[in-house]
Amino acid sequence: MKTLTIYDPAMCCSSGICGAEVDQQLVTFAADLDWLKSEGIEVKRINLSQEPALFAENEQVKSILEISGVEGLPVILADEEMQSSGQYPDRVKLAQMVGVTAAQTIGQVSASATGCCGQNNDAEKSSSSCC
């Protein structure tokens, strides 16, 4: 099974789909990662604010941070090979990274459908805090 690992910049939660102003690019990226999972790809997201030690343990990621700082994030690895840094690629590029064919229609998920931190809105309503 192919593995795609994303080393994300510091965000309030693993998906970045939180807060009052949700970045549509992160919403689309999260939907694209869900699509990759449905294609049998293992997806791991590592958040700088939640797992900083993992950034220091990976030599490729550590090197990007030393050269570019946090502007070099996200770093995306496919089976531990560097594929991208400094941007969230679209679905077609993600598919190419792991060797699957991208769907013709790229679906998007709205922030209101996923709620805070990728949870459904029912889970969000039952919790007093986001992350």
Protein backbone atom coordinates (compact mmCIF):
# COMPACT_ATOMS: atom_id res chain seq x y z
CA MET A 1 0.00 0.00 0.00
CA LYS A 2 1.28 3.46 -0.88
CA THR A 3 1.61 5.99 1.92
CA LEU A 4 1.31 9.75 1.61
CA THR A 5 2.65 11.70 4.59
CA ILE A 6 1.93 15.40 4.98
CA TYR A 7 3.98 17.50 7.40
CA ASP A 8 1.63 20.44 7.97
CA PRO A 9 2.46 23.85 9.44
CA ALA A 10 1.15 24.60 12.92
CA MET A 11 -2.66 24.51 12.86
CA CYS A 12 -5.30 24.25 15.57
CA CYS A 13 -6.12 20.72 14.46
CA SER A 14 -4.92 18.08 12.04
CA SER A 15 -7.05 19.26 9.11
CA GLY A 16 -6.80 23.02 9.56
CA ILE A 17 -10.55 23.24 9.00
CA CYS A 18 -11.24 25.23 12.15
CA GLY A 19 -12.00 28.67 13.37
CA ALA A 20 -14.08 31.54 12.10
CA GLU A 21 -12.33 31.89 8.73
CA VAL A 22 -11.79 28.51 7.08
CA ASP A 23 -9.25 28.42 4.24
CA GLN A 24 -11.03 26.92 1.20
CA GLN A 25 -7.71 25.50 -0.01
CA LEU A 26 -7.46 23.40 3.18
CA VAL A 27 -11.06 22.24 2.80
CA THR A 28 -10.36 21.11 -0.77
CA PHE A 29 -7.08 19.48 0.25
CA ALA A 30 -8.81 17.54 3.05
CA ALA A 31 -11.45 16.33 0.57
CA ASP A 32 -8.71 15.27 -1.85
CA LEU A 33 -6.97 13.31 0.92
CA ASP A 34 -10.27 11.59 1.76
CA TRP A 35 -10.55 10.66 -1.92
CA LEU A 36 -7.02 9.19 -1.85
CA LYS A 37 -7.98 7.11 1.19
CA SER A 38 -10.96 5.77 -0.76
CA GLU A 39 -8.48 4.76 -3.49
CA GLY A 40 -6.55 2.63 -0.97
CA ILE A 41 -3.80 5.11 -0.14
CA GLU A 42 -2.69 5.41 3.48
CA VAL A 43 -2.65 9.10 4.41
CA LYS A 44 -0.82 10.47 7.45
CA ARG A 45 -0.95 14.11 8.51
CA ILE A 46 1.57 15.40 10.99
CA ASN A 47 0.90 18.83 12.53
CA LEU A 48 3.84 20.94 13.69
CA SER A 49 1.94 22.24 16.72
CA GLN A 50 0.92 18.76 17.86
CA GLU A 51 3.92 16.56 16.92
CA PRO A 52 7.04 18.75 16.61
CA ALA A 53 9.44 15.89 17.42
CA LEU A 54 8.42 14.05 14.24
CA PHE A 55 9.55 17.04 12.18
CA ALA A 56 12.98 16.93 13.79
CA GLU A 57 13.27 13.15 13.34
CA ASN A 58 12.77 13.22 9.56
CA GLU A 59 15.96 14.44 7.83
CA GLN A 60 14.14 15.60 4.68
CA VAL A 61 11.63 17.65 6.62
CA LYS A 62 14.28 18.97 8.99
CA SER A 63 16.36 20.11 6.00
CA ILE A 64 13.40 21.97 4.45
CA LEU A 65 12.75 23.73 7.76
CA GLU A 66 16.40 24.72 8.11
CA ILE A 67 16.50 26.15 4.56
CA SER A 68 13.01 27.64 4.16
CA GLY A 69 11.56 27.82 7.65
CA VAL A 70 7.83 27.27 8.05
CA GLU A 71 7.30 28.68 4.53
CA GLY A 72 8.61 25.29 3.32
CA LEU A 73 5.57 23.58 4.84
CA PRO A 74 3.67 21.54 4.03
CA VAL A 75 6.21 18.90 3.11
CA ILE A 76 4.64 15.97 1.30
CA LEU A 77 6.30 12.56 1.08
CA ALA A 78 5.09 9.54 -0.88
CA ASP A 79 6.57 6.35 0.54
CA GLU A 80 9.20 8.51 2.28
CA GLU A 81 10.26 10.24 -0.97
CA MET A 82 9.98 14.03 -1.12
CA GLN A 83 7.25 15.07 -3.54
CA SER A 84 6.39 18.66 -2.68
CA SER A 85 7.07 21.46 -0.24
CA GLY A 86 5.65 24.89 0.43
CA GLN A 87 2.23 24.32 -1.13
CA TYR A 88 -0.87 22.14 -1.02
CA PRO A 89 -1.04 20.36 -4.39
CA ASP A 90 -4.32 19.73 -6.19
CA ARG A 91 -5.94 16.31 -6.58
CA VAL A 92 -4.27 15.55 -9.92
CA LYS A 93 -0.80 16.19 -8.50
CA LEU A 94 -1.56 14.18 -5.37
CA ALA A 95 -2.75 11.28 -7.51
CA GLN A 96 0.44 11.41 -9.56
CA MET A 97 2.52 11.31 -6.38
CA VAL A 98 1.05 7.95 -5.40
CA GLY A 99 0.40 6.52 -8.86
CA VAL A 100 -3.38 6.59 -9.04
CA THR A 101 -5.61 8.12 -11.68
CA ALA A 102 -7.45 11.25 -10.60
CA ALA A 103 -11.21 11.36 -11.01
CA GLN A 104 -12.54 13.59 -13.75
CA THR A 105 -14.79 15.50 -11.37
CA ILE A 106 -13.04 16.91 -8.37
CA GLY A 107 -15.50 17.05 -5.49
CA GLN A 108 -15.25 19.67 -2.83
CA VAL A 109 -16.49 19.65 0.70
CA SER A 110 -17.82 22.78 2.27
CA ALA A 111 -16.59 23.89 5.66
CA SER A 112 -20.12 23.67 7.02
CA ALA A 113 -20.36 20.01 5.98
CA THR A 114 -17.22 18.97 7.82
CA GLY A 115 -17.38 21.36 10.73
CA CYS A 116 -14.48 22.03 13.01
CA CYS A 117 -11.40 19.85 12.69
CA GLY A 118 -13.01 17.58 10.10
CA GLN A 119 -15.79 16.42 12.43
CA ASN A 120 -19.40 16.46 11.42
CA ASN A 121 -21.46 19.34 12.73
CA ASP A 122 -23.28 17.15 15.28
CA ALA A 123 -19.97 16.40 16.98
CA GLU A 124 -19.04 20.06 16.88
CA LYS A 125 -22.32 21.15 18.48
CA SER A 126 -21.84 18.73 21.36
CA SER A 127 -18.40 20.11 22.15
CA SER A 128 -17.78 23.48 23.72
CA SER A 129 -14.35 23.92 22.13
CA CYS A 130 -12.96 23.26 18.70
CA CYS A 131 -9.65 21.52 19.17
